N, C-alpha and C. Protein backbone atom coordinates (compact mmCIF):
# COMPACT_ATOMS: atom_id res chain seq x y z
N UNK A 1 -8.00 -26.46 3.56
CA UNK A 1 -7.44 -26.16 2.59
C UNK A 1 -6.53 -25.13 3.81
N UNK A 2 -5.12 -24.86 3.43
CA UNK A 2 -4.61 -23.70 4.13
C UNK A 2 -4.47 -22.37 3.99
N UNK A 3 -4.67 -21.21 5.39
CA UNK A 3 -5.21 -19.77 5.19
C UNK A 3 -3.79 -19.72 5.62
N UNK A 4 -3.48 -18.20 4.40
CA UNK A 4 -2.62 -17.86 4.85
C UNK A 4 -2.10 -16.30 5.06
N UNK A 5 -1.71 -15.57 5.30
CA UNK A 5 -1.49 -14.22 5.62
C UNK A 5 -0.88 -13.59 4.51
N UNK A 6 -1.59 -12.48 4.16
CA UNK A 6 -1.19 -11.39 3.34
C UNK A 6 -1.03 -10.06 3.84
N UNK A 7 -0.40 -9.18 3.98
CA UNK A 7 -0.18 -7.88 4.21
C UNK A 7 0.43 -7.30 3.15
N UNK A 8 -0.57 -5.81 2.85
CA UNK A 8 -0.03 -4.84 1.36
C UNK A 8 -0.09 -3.63 1.89
N UNK A 9 0.77 -3.11 1.29
CA UNK A 9 1.14 -1.45 1.64
C UNK A 9 0.06 -0.92 0.66
N UNK A 10 -1.12 -0.71 0.94
CA UNK A 10 -1.87 0.19 -0.13
C UNK A 10 -1.90 1.70 0.43
N UNK A 11 -1.39 2.51 -0.61
CA UNK A 11 -1.35 4.16 -0.53
C UNK A 11 -2.27 4.72 -0.04
N UNK A 12 -2.71 5.08 0.53
CA UNK A 12 -4.04 5.76 1.58
C UNK A 12 -4.15 7.16 0.11
N UNK A 13 -3.42 7.77 -0.32
CA UNK A 13 -4.40 8.81 -1.71
C UNK A 13 -4.66 7.70 -2.64
N UNK A 14 -4.85 6.79 -2.81
CA UNK A 14 -5.37 6.23 -3.86
C UNK A 14 -6.62 4.87 -3.48
N UNK A 15 -7.43 5.89 -3.50
CA UNK A 15 -9.22 5.43 -3.07
C UNK A 15 -9.55 4.39 -3.73
N UNK A 16 -9.22 3.99 -5.06
CA UNK A 16 -9.61 2.89 -5.84
C UNK A 16 -8.57 1.65 -5.28
N UNK A 17 -7.54 1.98 -4.69
CA UNK A 17 -6.84 0.77 -4.13
C UNK A 17 -7.15 0.41 -2.35
N UNK A 18 -7.53 1.11 -2.42
CA UNK A 18 -8.25 1.28 -0.88
C UNK A 18 -9.53 0.12 -0.80
N UNK A 19 -10.05 0.86 -1.75
CA UNK A 19 -11.52 0.06 -2.10
C UNK A 19 -11.84 -1.39 -2.59
N UNK A 20 -10.77 -2.15 -3.22
CA UNK A 20 -10.24 -2.99 -3.81
C UNK A 20 -10.03 -4.09 -2.54
N UNK A 21 -8.87 -3.15 -1.71
CA UNK A 21 -8.65 -4.23 -0.51
C UNK A 21 -9.51 -4.37 0.51
N UNK A 22 -10.29 -3.36 0.28
CA UNK A 22 -11.61 -3.50 1.49
C UNK A 22 -12.48 -4.43 1.19
N UNK A 23 -12.68 -4.11 -0.39
CA UNK A 23 -13.92 -5.08 -0.76
C UNK A 23 -13.09 -6.62 -0.77
N UNK A 24 -11.63 -7.14 -0.73
CA UNK A 24 -11.38 -9.04 -1.04
C UNK A 24 -11.48 -8.92 0.60
N UNK A 25 -12.13 -8.33 1.78
CA UNK A 25 -11.94 -8.65 3.34
C UNK A 25 -10.63 -7.89 3.78
N UNK A 26 -9.91 -7.11 3.29
CA UNK A 26 -8.64 -6.31 4.00
C UNK A 26 -9.16 -5.79 4.87
N UNK A 27 -8.15 -5.58 6.10
CA UNK A 27 -8.16 -4.23 7.03
C UNK A 27 -7.00 -3.93 7.45
N UNK A 28 -7.25 -2.82 7.83
CA UNK A 28 -5.77 -2.32 8.60
C UNK A 28 -4.92 -2.77 9.67
N UNK A 29 -3.61 -3.46 9.60
CA UNK A 29 -3.26 -4.03 10.72
C UNK A 29 -2.36 -3.41 11.20
N UNK A 30 -1.55 -2.50 10.40
CA UNK A 30 -0.56 -1.13 10.18
C UNK A 30 -0.42 -0.48 9.82
N UNK A 31 0.42 0.32 10.13
CA UNK A 31 0.39 1.84 8.77
C UNK A 31 2.11 1.79 8.70
N UNK A 32 2.30 2.39 7.81
CA UNK A 32 3.81 2.59 7.34
C UNK A 32 3.88 4.25 7.00
N UNK A 33 5.06 5.04 7.09
CA UNK A 33 5.05 6.22 6.57
C UNK A 33 6.44 6.17 5.85
N UNK A 34 6.05 6.69 4.62
CA UNK A 34 6.91 7.03 3.40
C UNK A 34 7.95 8.11 3.63
N UNK A 35 9.17 8.06 3.97
CA UNK A 35 10.24 9.48 4.27
C UNK A 35 11.11 9.77 3.06
N UNK A 36 11.39 10.61 2.82
CA UNK A 36 12.56 11.15 1.72
C UNK A 36 13.33 12.04 2.31
N UNK A 37 14.60 11.98 1.81
CA UNK A 37 15.62 12.55 2.02
C UNK A 37 15.58 14.51 1.21
N UNK A 38 14.95 14.15 0.14
CA UNK A 38 14.74 15.33 -0.71
C UNK A 38 13.58 15.34 -0.99
N UNK A 39 13.25 15.58 -1.73
CA UNK A 39 11.54 15.73 -2.35
C UNK A 39 11.55 14.48 -2.66
N UNK A 40 9.60 13.80 -2.42
CA UNK A 40 9.28 12.70 -3.13
C UNK A 40 9.42 12.61 -4.74
N UNK A 41 9.58 11.30 -5.14
CA UNK A 41 9.94 11.44 -6.44
C UNK A 41 8.32 11.15 -6.73
N UNK A 42 7.99 11.73 -8.28
CA UNK A 42 7.42 11.81 -9.24
C UNK A 42 6.46 10.47 -9.47
N UNK A 43 5.81 9.67 -8.85
CA UNK A 43 5.23 8.77 -9.11
C UNK A 43 3.25 8.91 -9.61
N UNK A 44 3.04 8.09 -10.45
CA UNK A 44 1.94 7.71 -10.58
C UNK A 44 1.41 6.84 -9.69
N UNK A 45 0.40 7.40 -8.29
CA UNK A 45 0.17 7.09 -7.20
C UNK A 45 -1.21 6.28 -7.53
N UNK A 46 -2.13 6.96 -8.47
CA UNK A 46 -3.49 6.38 -8.83
C UNK A 46 -3.27 5.16 -9.63
N UNK A 47 -2.06 4.90 -10.14
CA UNK A 47 -1.86 3.56 -10.98
C UNK A 47 -0.86 2.87 -9.53
N UNK A 48 -0.82 2.88 -8.73
CA UNK A 48 0.09 2.52 -7.82
C UNK A 48 -0.55 1.48 -6.50
N UNK A 49 -1.28 0.47 -6.67
CA UNK A 49 -1.81 -0.35 -5.53
C UNK A 49 -1.39 -1.00 -4.34
N UNK A 50 -0.12 -1.20 -4.71
CA UNK A 50 0.50 -1.69 -3.45
C UNK A 50 2.13 -1.43 -3.66
N UNK A 51 3.17 -1.23 -2.08
CA UNK A 51 3.85 -1.31 -2.55
C UNK A 51 4.70 -2.63 -2.05
N UNK A 52 5.85 -3.52 -3.01
CA UNK A 52 6.22 -4.35 -3.13
C UNK A 52 7.32 -4.76 -1.81
N UNK A 53 7.74 -3.51 -1.31
CA UNK A 53 8.62 -3.85 -0.56
C UNK A 53 8.78 -2.55 0.43
N UNK A 54 9.10 -2.53 1.80
CA UNK A 54 9.01 -1.79 2.76
C UNK A 54 10.36 -1.14 3.02
N UNK A 55 10.90 -1.77 2.76
CA UNK A 55 12.84 -1.68 2.89
C UNK A 55 13.51 -0.91 1.32
N UNK A 56 12.44 0.32 1.14
CA UNK A 56 13.27 1.26 -0.11
C UNK A 56 14.07 1.76 0.46
N UNK A 57 15.06 2.17 -0.18
CA UNK A 57 16.14 3.08 0.50
C UNK A 57 17.17 2.32 0.64
């Protein structure tokens, strides 16, 4: 069986998302920073388990 690598940007402020990734054997290999030109958008981060694209904006 072929193995594939999966990279997932899990928000650190969602402990359930971090726990889920760790329970699946995932580990940190790089980190990203979210930066905004104005104020951060009001997002339900407790319901966000991964970011689909790193190139936002």
